[in-house]
Amino acid sequence: MTDYQSAIDKLSKSLERIPRSELPVVLGELERIKAVIWAEFMTTEKGQPDEALLDMSDVAVRLNIPLSRAYELVRQGKLRGVRVGKYVRVLPTVLKEYQASLATA
């Protein structure tokens, strides 16, 4: 069991002993921890350049499919897209993962 799994397990077991009046404080702390984890997750690793998002025409070209099919893959959740306002973009690593999944399918 990893450290974080152990911590989550301990917290889950101790929830029964936390007085109801203290639950809002616990929820606040959990939200703070969640924000810290998201910030860490969304930050690029040191020394790693930011990946430029691909527009859907780039995705369609790289997959050799029509543009409409590229949008459809994102709509269906088969290809994970990122919304930037009204635009849809895809991370190059996500596209590579999708292509790798096609090879194993």
C-alpha atoms as a PDB file:
ATOM      1  CA  MET A   1       0.000   0.000   0.000  1.00  0.00           C
ATOM      2  CA  THR A   2       1.399   3.401  -0.954  1.00  0.00           C
ATOM      3  CA  ASP A   3       1.704   6.302   1.479  1.00  0.00           C
ATOM      4  CA  TYR A   4      -1.244   8.175  -0.015  1.00  0.00           C
ATOM      5  CA  GLN A   5      -3.434   5.059   0.033  1.00  0.00           C
ATOM      6  CA  SER A   6      -2.556   4.545   3.679  1.00  0.00           C
ATOM      7  CA  ALA A   7      -3.412   8.174   4.496  1.00  0.00           C
ATOM      8  CA  ILE A   8      -6.751   7.936   2.681  1.00  0.00           C
ATOM      9  CA  ASP A   9      -7.537   4.675   4.464  1.00  0.00           C
ATOM     10  CA  LYS A  10      -6.755   6.214   7.877  1.00  0.00           C
ATOM     11  CA  LEU A  11      -8.918   9.238   7.085  1.00  0.00           C
ATOM     12  CA  SER A  12     -11.811   7.058   5.947  1.00  0.00           C
ATOM     13  CA  LYS A  13     -11.661   5.033   9.156  1.00  0.00           C
ATOM     14  CA  SER A  14     -11.459   8.135  11.368  1.00  0.00           C
ATOM     15  CA  LEU A  15     -14.485   9.851   9.791  1.00  0.00           C
ATOM     16  CA  GLU A  16     -16.819   8.029  12.179  1.00  0.00           C
ATOM     17  CA  ARG A  17     -15.070   9.635  15.162  1.00  0.00           C
ATOM     18  CA  ILE A  18     -15.168  13.206  13.839  1.00  0.00           C
ATOM     19  CA  PRO A  19     -17.932  15.220  15.525  1.00  0.00           C
ATOM     20  CA  ARG A  20     -20.602  16.390  13.095  1.00  0.00           C
ATOM     21  CA  SER A  21     -19.872  20.017  14.016  1.00  0.00           C
ATOM     22  CA  GLU A  22     -16.279  19.577  12.762  1.00  0.00           C
ATOM     23  CA  LEU A  23     -17.230  18.144   9.351  1.00  0.00           C
ATOM     24  CA  PRO A  24     -17.264  21.568   7.594  1.00  0.00           C
ATOM     25  CA  VAL A  25     -13.675  22.118   8.755  1.00  0.00           C
ATOM     26  CA  VAL A  26     -12.681  18.682   7.440  1.00  0.00           C
ATOM     27  CA  LEU A  27     -14.386  19.401   4.111  1.00  0.00           C
ATOM     28  CA  GLY A  28     -12.526  22.709   3.854  1.00  0.00           C
ATOM     29  CA  GLU A  29      -9.206  20.988   4.445  1.00  0.00           C
ATOM     30  CA  LEU A  30     -10.026  18.308   1.886  1.00  0.00           C
ATOM     31  CA  GLU A  31     -10.830  21.019  -0.676  1.00  0.00           C
ATOM     32  CA  ARG A  32      -7.504  22.721   0.108  1.00  0.00           C
ATOM     33  CA  ILE A  33      -5.656  19.422  -0.370  1.00  0.00           C
ATOM     34  CA  LYS A  34      -7.580  18.803  -3.593  1.00  0.00           C
ATOM     35  CA  ALA A  35      -6.520  22.231  -4.912  1.00  0.00           C
ATOM     36  CA  VAL A  36      -2.871  21.528  -4.078  1.00  0.00           C
ATOM     37  CA  ILE A  37      -3.019  18.165  -5.852  1.00  0.00           C
ATOM     38  CA  TRP A  38      -4.662  19.696  -8.951  1.00  0.00           C
ATOM     39  CA  ALA A  39      -2.045  22.465  -9.043  1.00  0.00           C
ATOM     40  CA  GLU A  40       0.720  19.874  -8.900  1.00  0.00           C
ATOM     41  CA  PHE A  41      -0.978  17.732 -11.529  1.00  0.00           C
ATOM     42  CA  MET A  42      -1.490  20.630 -13.952  1.00  0.00           C
ATOM     43  CA  THR A  43       2.045  22.011 -13.590  1.00  0.00           C
ATOM     44  CA  THR A  44       4.561  20.776 -16.134  1.00  0.00           C
ATOM     45  CA  GLU A  45       7.574  18.947 -14.798  1.00  0.00           C
ATOM     46  CA  LYS A  46      10.749  20.968 -14.377  1.00  0.00           C
ATOM     47  CA  GLY A  47      12.764  20.959 -17.551  1.00  0.00           C
ATOM     48  CA  GLN A  48       9.815  19.786 -19.625  1.00  0.00           C
ATOM     49  CA  PRO A  49       8.588  22.274 -22.215  1.00  0.00           C
ATOM     50  CA  ASP A  50       4.866  22.990 -22.286  1.00  0.00           C
ATOM     51  CA  GLU A  51       3.103  20.931 -24.905  1.00  0.00           C
ATOM     52  CA  ALA A  52       1.397  22.995 -27.555  1.00  0.00           C
ATOM     53  CA  LEU A  53      -2.218  21.979 -27.956  1.00  0.00           C
ATOM     54  CA  LEU A  54      -3.173  20.574 -31.350  1.00  0.00           C
ATOM     55  CA  ASP A  55      -6.186  21.988 -33.125  1.00  0.00           C
ATOM     56  CA  MET A  56      -8.674  19.554 -34.582  1.00  0.00           C
ATOM     57  CA  SER A  57      -7.405  19.972 -38.140  1.00  0.00           C
ATOM     58  CA  ASP A  58      -3.941  18.856 -36.947  1.00  0.00           C
ATOM     59  CA  VAL A  59      -5.548  15.897 -35.176  1.00  0.00           C
ATOM     60  CA  ALA A  60      -7.479  14.946 -38.318  1.00  0.00           C
ATOM     61  CA  VAL A  61      -4.325  15.134 -40.453  1.00  0.00           C
ATOM     62  CA  ARG A  62      -2.280  13.052 -38.004  1.00  0.00           C
ATOM     63  CA  LEU A  63      -5.004  10.394 -37.837  1.00  0.00           C
ATOM     64  CA  ASN A  64      -5.699  10.613 -41.585  1.00  0.00           C
ATOM     65  CA  ILE A  65      -9.431  11.059 -40.962  1.00  0.00           C
ATOM     66  CA  PRO A  66     -11.984  13.732 -41.884  1.00  0.00           C
ATOM     67  CA  LEU A  67     -12.209  16.751 -39.589  1.00  0.00           C
ATOM     68  CA  SER A  68     -15.798  15.857 -38.685  1.00  0.00           C
ATOM     69  CA  ARG A  69     -14.661  12.411 -37.483  1.00  0.00           C
ATOM     70  CA  ALA A  70     -11.976  14.000 -35.278  1.00  0.00           C
ATOM     71  CA  TYR A  71     -14.635  16.145 -33.582  1.00  0.00           C
ATOM     72  CA  GLU A  72     -16.862  13.089 -33.254  1.00  0.00           C
ATOM     73  CA  LEU A  73     -14.114  11.146 -31.443  1.00  0.00           C
ATOM     74  CA  VAL A  74     -13.886  13.928 -28.856  1.00  0.00           C
ATOM     75  CA  ARG A  75     -17.677  14.181 -28.516  1.00  0.00           C
ATOM     76  CA  GLN A  76     -17.882  10.419 -27.940  1.00  0.00           C
ATOM     77  CA  GLY A  77     -15.132  10.567 -25.308  1.00  0.00           C
ATOM     78  CA  LYS A  78     -12.895   8.228 -27.299  1.00  0.00           C
ATOM     79  CA  LEU A  79     -10.299  10.991 -27.654  1.00  0.00           C
ATOM     80  CA  ARG A  80      -9.844  13.317 -24.688  1.00  0.00           C
ATOM     81  CA  GLY A  81     -10.145  16.915 -25.785  1.00  0.00           C
ATOM     82  CA  VAL A  82      -9.606  20.227 -24.030  1.00  0.00           C
ATOM     83  CA  ARG A  83     -12.098  23.053 -24.459  1.00  0.00           C
ATOM     84  CA  VAL A  84     -10.622  26.513 -24.914  1.00  0.00           C
ATOM     85  CA  GLY A  85     -13.713  28.658 -25.123  1.00  0.00           C
ATOM     86  CA  LYS A  86     -15.576  27.460 -28.179  1.00  0.00           C
ATOM     87  CA  TYR A  87     -12.533  25.639 -29.543  1.00  0.00           C
ATOM     88  CA  VAL A  88     -11.506  22.028 -28.994  1.00  0.00           C
ATOM     89  CA  ARG A  89      -7.841  21.116 -28.688  1.00  0.00           C
ATOM     90  CA  VAL A  90      -5.918  17.906 -27.958  1.00  0.00           C
ATOM     91  CA  LEU A  91      -2.608  17.417 -26.171  1.00  0.00           C
ATOM     92  CA  PRO A  92      -0.002  15.660 -28.338  1.00  0.00           C
ATOM     93  CA  THR A  93       0.579  13.054 -25.617  1.00  0.00           C
ATOM     94  CA  VAL A  94      -3.155  12.297 -25.498  1.00  0.00           C
ATOM     95  CA  LEU A  95      -3.183  11.826 -29.269  1.00  0.00           C
ATOM     96  CA  LYS A  96      -0.183   9.472 -29.041  1.00  0.00           C
ATOM     97  CA  GLU A  97      -1.938   7.452 -26.321  1.00  0.00           C
ATOM     98  CA  TYR A  98      -5.038   7.230 -28.498  1.00  0.00           C
ATOM     99  CA  GLN A  99      -2.961   6.087 -31.490  1.00  0.00           C
ATOM    100  CA  ALA A 100      -1.260   3.463 -29.314  1.00  0.00           C
ATOM    101  CA  SER A 101      -4.659   2.192 -28.154  1.00  0.00           C
ATOM    102  CA  LEU A 102      -5.683   1.760 -31.799  1.00  0.00           C
ATOM    103  CA  ALA A 103      -2.657  -0.436 -32.417  1.00  0.00           C
ATOM    104  CA  THR A 104      -3.644  -2.757 -29.559  1.00  0.00           C
ATOM    105  CA  ALA A 105      -7.348  -2.867 -30.394  1.00  0.00           C
END
